[in-house]
């Protein structure tokens, strides 16, 4: 075998793999169906938290729900009463956080706030008041997990891509040197 072929092939595998492997980890998380529950308000729904943590209430201002399209303002109307209770009937404090927006195809939503739970279990979300039907959803946000995977993927691309690129150059040089001899 000619000098440099092994390095060139290893470099190509590392370089291409540096771009393919992260996609295999990030894409499933982005495409995965979330555990969120979507519901119409005024109304009430139940959500089963599989673990403790931070759960967000979302204003689904552009969505399709039960075959009907909803295209409303990002801003909530006044007069809404929002209550979130744990399995024991204790009211959880809804902490305002309108800093997160998500767009997925034709669906758009904006965070209203979140509650912190200390244990898994059933939660009841009830929204009353207002003058129009609106669609809301409730569940964990995947935004931090997605950003974490993206940054880890970028690190993988830079690290293994650089090594692969270096091996490609080194292998090419060795091949060219072998031709001269």
Protein backbone atom coordinates (compact mmCIF):
# COMPACT_ATOMS: atom_id res chain seq x y z
CA UNK A 1 0.00 0.00 0.00
CA UNK A 2 1.30 3.43 -0.87
CA UNK A 3 2.51 5.66 1.97
CA UNK A 4 -0.18 8.05 3.18
CA UNK A 5 -3.28 6.10 2.06
CA UNK A 6 -4.13 4.92 5.58
CA UNK A 7 -3.79 8.45 6.97
CA UNK A 8 -5.83 9.92 4.13
CA UNK A 9 -8.67 7.39 4.60
CA UNK A 10 -8.62 7.81 8.40
CA UNK A 11 -8.68 11.59 7.96
CA UNK A 12 -11.65 11.42 5.59
CA UNK A 13 -13.56 9.14 7.97
CA UNK A 14 -12.87 11.40 10.96
CA UNK A 15 -13.65 14.58 9.02
CA UNK A 16 -16.94 13.31 7.59
CA UNK A 17 -17.88 11.56 10.83
CA UNK A 18 -17.37 14.82 12.73
CA UNK A 19 -20.33 16.24 10.81
CA UNK A 20 -22.54 13.15 10.61
CA UNK A 21 -22.42 11.88 14.21
CA UNK A 22 -23.72 15.13 15.83
CA UNK A 23 -26.70 15.12 13.46
CA UNK A 24 -27.55 11.63 14.71
CA UNK A 25 -27.79 13.00 18.29
CA UNK A 26 -29.36 16.44 17.72
CA UNK A 27 -31.96 15.59 15.07
CA UNK A 28 -33.88 13.01 17.15
CA UNK A 29 -34.18 15.48 20.06
CA UNK A 30 -35.46 18.23 17.78
CA UNK A 31 -37.89 15.91 16.00
CA UNK A 32 -39.12 14.09 19.13
CA UNK A 33 -42.70 14.55 20.22
CA UNK A 34 -42.73 16.35 23.54
CA UNK A 35 -44.72 15.26 26.58
CA UNK A 36 -46.66 18.52 26.53
CA UNK A 37 -50.40 18.60 26.87
CA UNK A 38 -52.33 21.08 24.73
CA UNK A 39 -55.73 22.37 25.83
CA UNK A 40 -58.37 25.01 25.18
CA UNK A 41 -59.15 27.80 27.63
CA UNK A 42 -61.23 28.76 29.35
CA UNK A 43 -60.84 25.24 30.55
CA UNK A 44 -58.97 22.75 32.63
CA UNK A 45 -56.57 19.88 31.95
CA UNK A 46 -54.40 17.41 33.81
CA UNK A 47 -50.73 16.72 33.23
CA UNK A 48 -48.68 13.88 34.69
CA UNK A 49 -45.15 14.98 35.53
CA UNK A 50 -42.84 11.98 35.13
CA UNK A 51 -40.18 13.69 37.21
CA UNK A 52 -39.61 16.81 39.26
CA UNK A 53 -38.49 20.01 37.57
CA UNK A 54 -39.55 23.15 35.78
CA UNK A 55 -42.73 23.01 33.73
CA UNK A 56 -43.80 25.82 31.41
CA UNK A 57 -47.22 27.17 30.52
CA UNK A 58 -47.28 28.25 26.86
CA UNK A 59 -49.53 30.56 24.86
CA UNK A 60 -50.00 28.64 21.58
CA UNK A 61 -50.97 31.72 19.59
CA UNK A 62 -50.64 30.06 16.16
CA UNK A 63 -51.66 26.42 16.06
CA UNK A 64 -54.16 23.84 14.93
CA UNK A 65 -56.16 22.27 17.73
CA UNK A 66 -58.89 19.67 17.24
CA UNK A 67 -59.00 20.47 13.52
CA UNK A 68 -59.48 24.22 14.03
CA UNK A 69 -56.84 26.83 13.26
CA UNK A 70 -55.99 29.48 15.82
CA UNK A 71 -54.08 32.61 14.81
CA UNK A 72 -54.12 35.05 17.72
CA UNK A 73 -51.96 37.70 19.28
CA UNK A 74 -48.83 36.76 21.23
CA UNK A 75 -50.12 39.01 24.00
CA UNK A 76 -52.60 37.49 26.39
CA UNK A 77 -55.86 39.31 26.98
CA UNK A 78 -56.51 40.75 30.42
CA UNK A 79 -58.71 39.02 32.94
CA UNK A 80 -57.28 35.50 32.75
CA UNK A 81 -57.04 33.55 36.01
CA UNK A 82 -54.42 30.82 35.92
CA UNK A 83 -54.23 28.14 38.61
CA UNK A 84 -51.85 25.18 38.69
CA UNK A 85 -52.26 22.66 41.50
CA UNK A 86 -50.33 19.55 42.49
CA UNK A 87 -51.90 16.15 43.23
CA UNK A 88 -52.63 17.23 46.84
CA UNK A 89 -54.55 20.29 45.66
CA UNK A 90 -51.82 22.75 46.72
CA UNK A 91 -51.52 25.74 44.41
CA UNK A 92 -48.11 26.11 42.78
CA UNK A 93 -46.66 29.56 42.17
CA UNK A 94 -46.60 30.45 38.48
CA UNK A 95 -43.42 32.49 37.96
CA UNK A 96 -43.69 34.84 34.99
CA UNK A 97 -41.25 34.15 32.17
CA UNK A 98 -42.15 35.37 28.69
CA UNK A 99 -38.60 35.09 27.34
CA UNK A 100 -38.95 31.87 25.31
CA UNK A 101 -40.57 31.59 21.89
CA UNK A 102 -40.78 28.44 19.81
CA UNK A 103 -41.73 28.02 16.18
CA UNK A 104 -42.30 24.62 14.64
CA UNK A 105 -43.66 24.63 11.12
CA UNK A 106 -46.98 26.45 11.28
CA UNK A 107 -47.14 26.40 15.10
CA UNK A 108 -45.84 29.28 17.21
CA UNK A 109 -45.94 29.67 20.96
CA UNK A 110 -44.58 31.91 23.67
CA UNK A 111 -43.89 31.08 27.28
CA UNK A 112 -46.14 32.61 29.91
CA UNK A 113 -44.36 31.30 32.98
CA UNK A 114 -43.32 28.20 34.83
CA UNK A 115 -43.84 26.24 38.01
CA UNK A 116 -41.24 24.20 39.88
CA UNK A 117 -42.22 20.77 41.16
CA UNK A 118 -40.31 18.80 43.76
CA UNK A 119 -41.74 15.40 42.90
CA UNK A 120 -43.44 13.61 40.02
CA UNK A 121 -47.21 13.42 39.95
CA UNK A 122 -50.42 14.80 38.57
CA UNK A 123 -50.81 18.54 38.03
CA UNK A 124 -54.06 20.31 37.26
CA UNK A 125 -53.99 23.45 35.11
CA UNK A 126 -57.08 25.65 35.01
CA UNK A 127 -57.51 28.89 33.10
CA UNK A 128 -60.67 30.95 33.41
CA UNK A 129 -61.74 34.41 32.30
CA UNK A 130 -61.05 36.19 29.05
CA UNK A 131 -63.41 36.83 26.19
CA UNK A 132 -62.14 34.37 23.58
CA UNK A 133 -61.10 30.76 23.30
CA UNK A 134 -57.33 30.34 23.31
CA UNK A 135 -55.02 27.36 23.09
CA UNK A 136 -52.38 26.73 25.73
CA UNK A 137 -49.89 23.96 26.34
CA UNK A 138 -48.03 22.78 29.41
CA UNK A 139 -44.84 20.77 29.77
CA UNK A 140 -41.06 20.87 30.07
CA UNK A 141 -39.05 23.00 27.70
CA UNK A 142 -36.47 21.20 25.57
CA UNK A 143 -34.62 24.40 24.68
CA UNK A 144 -31.74 23.87 27.14
CA UNK A 145 -31.28 20.26 26.07
CA UNK A 146 -31.24 21.30 22.39
CA UNK A 147 -28.71 24.11 23.01
CA UNK A 148 -26.54 21.74 25.04
CA UNK A 149 -26.55 19.18 22.25
CA UNK A 150 -25.81 21.86 19.66
CA UNK A 151 -22.80 23.16 21.60
CA UNK A 152 -21.53 19.63 22.27
CA UNK A 153 -21.95 18.90 18.56
CA UNK A 154 -20.01 22.02 17.61
CA UNK A 155 -17.20 20.90 19.91
CA UNK A 156 -17.23 17.47 18.30
CA UNK A 157 -17.14 18.97 14.80
CA UNK A 158 -14.24 21.27 15.65
CA UNK A 159 -12.20 18.63 17.52
CA UNK A 160 -12.63 15.61 15.24
CA UNK A 161 -12.96 17.72 12.09
CA UNK A 162 -9.59 19.36 12.82
CA UNK A 163 -7.90 16.03 13.48
CA UNK A 164 -9.47 14.57 10.32
CA UNK A 165 -8.43 17.57 8.25
CA UNK A 166 -4.89 17.32 9.59
CA UNK A 167 -4.73 13.62 8.72
CA UNK A 168 -6.04 14.36 5.20
CA UNK A 169 -3.29 16.92 4.66
CA UNK A 170 -0.63 14.65 6.16
CA UNK A 171 -1.79 11.67 4.09
CA UNK A 172 -1.87 13.78 0.90
CA UNK A 173 1.67 15.02 1.54
CA UNK A 174 2.87 11.43 2.12
CA UNK A 175 1.14 10.31 -1.11
CA UNK A 176 2.76 13.12 -3.09
CA UNK A 177 6.17 12.36 -1.57
CA UNK A 178 5.73 8.68 -2.51
CA UNK A 179 5.04 9.61 -6.16
CA UNK A 180 8.27 11.60 -6.42
CA UNK A 181 10.34 8.57 -5.38
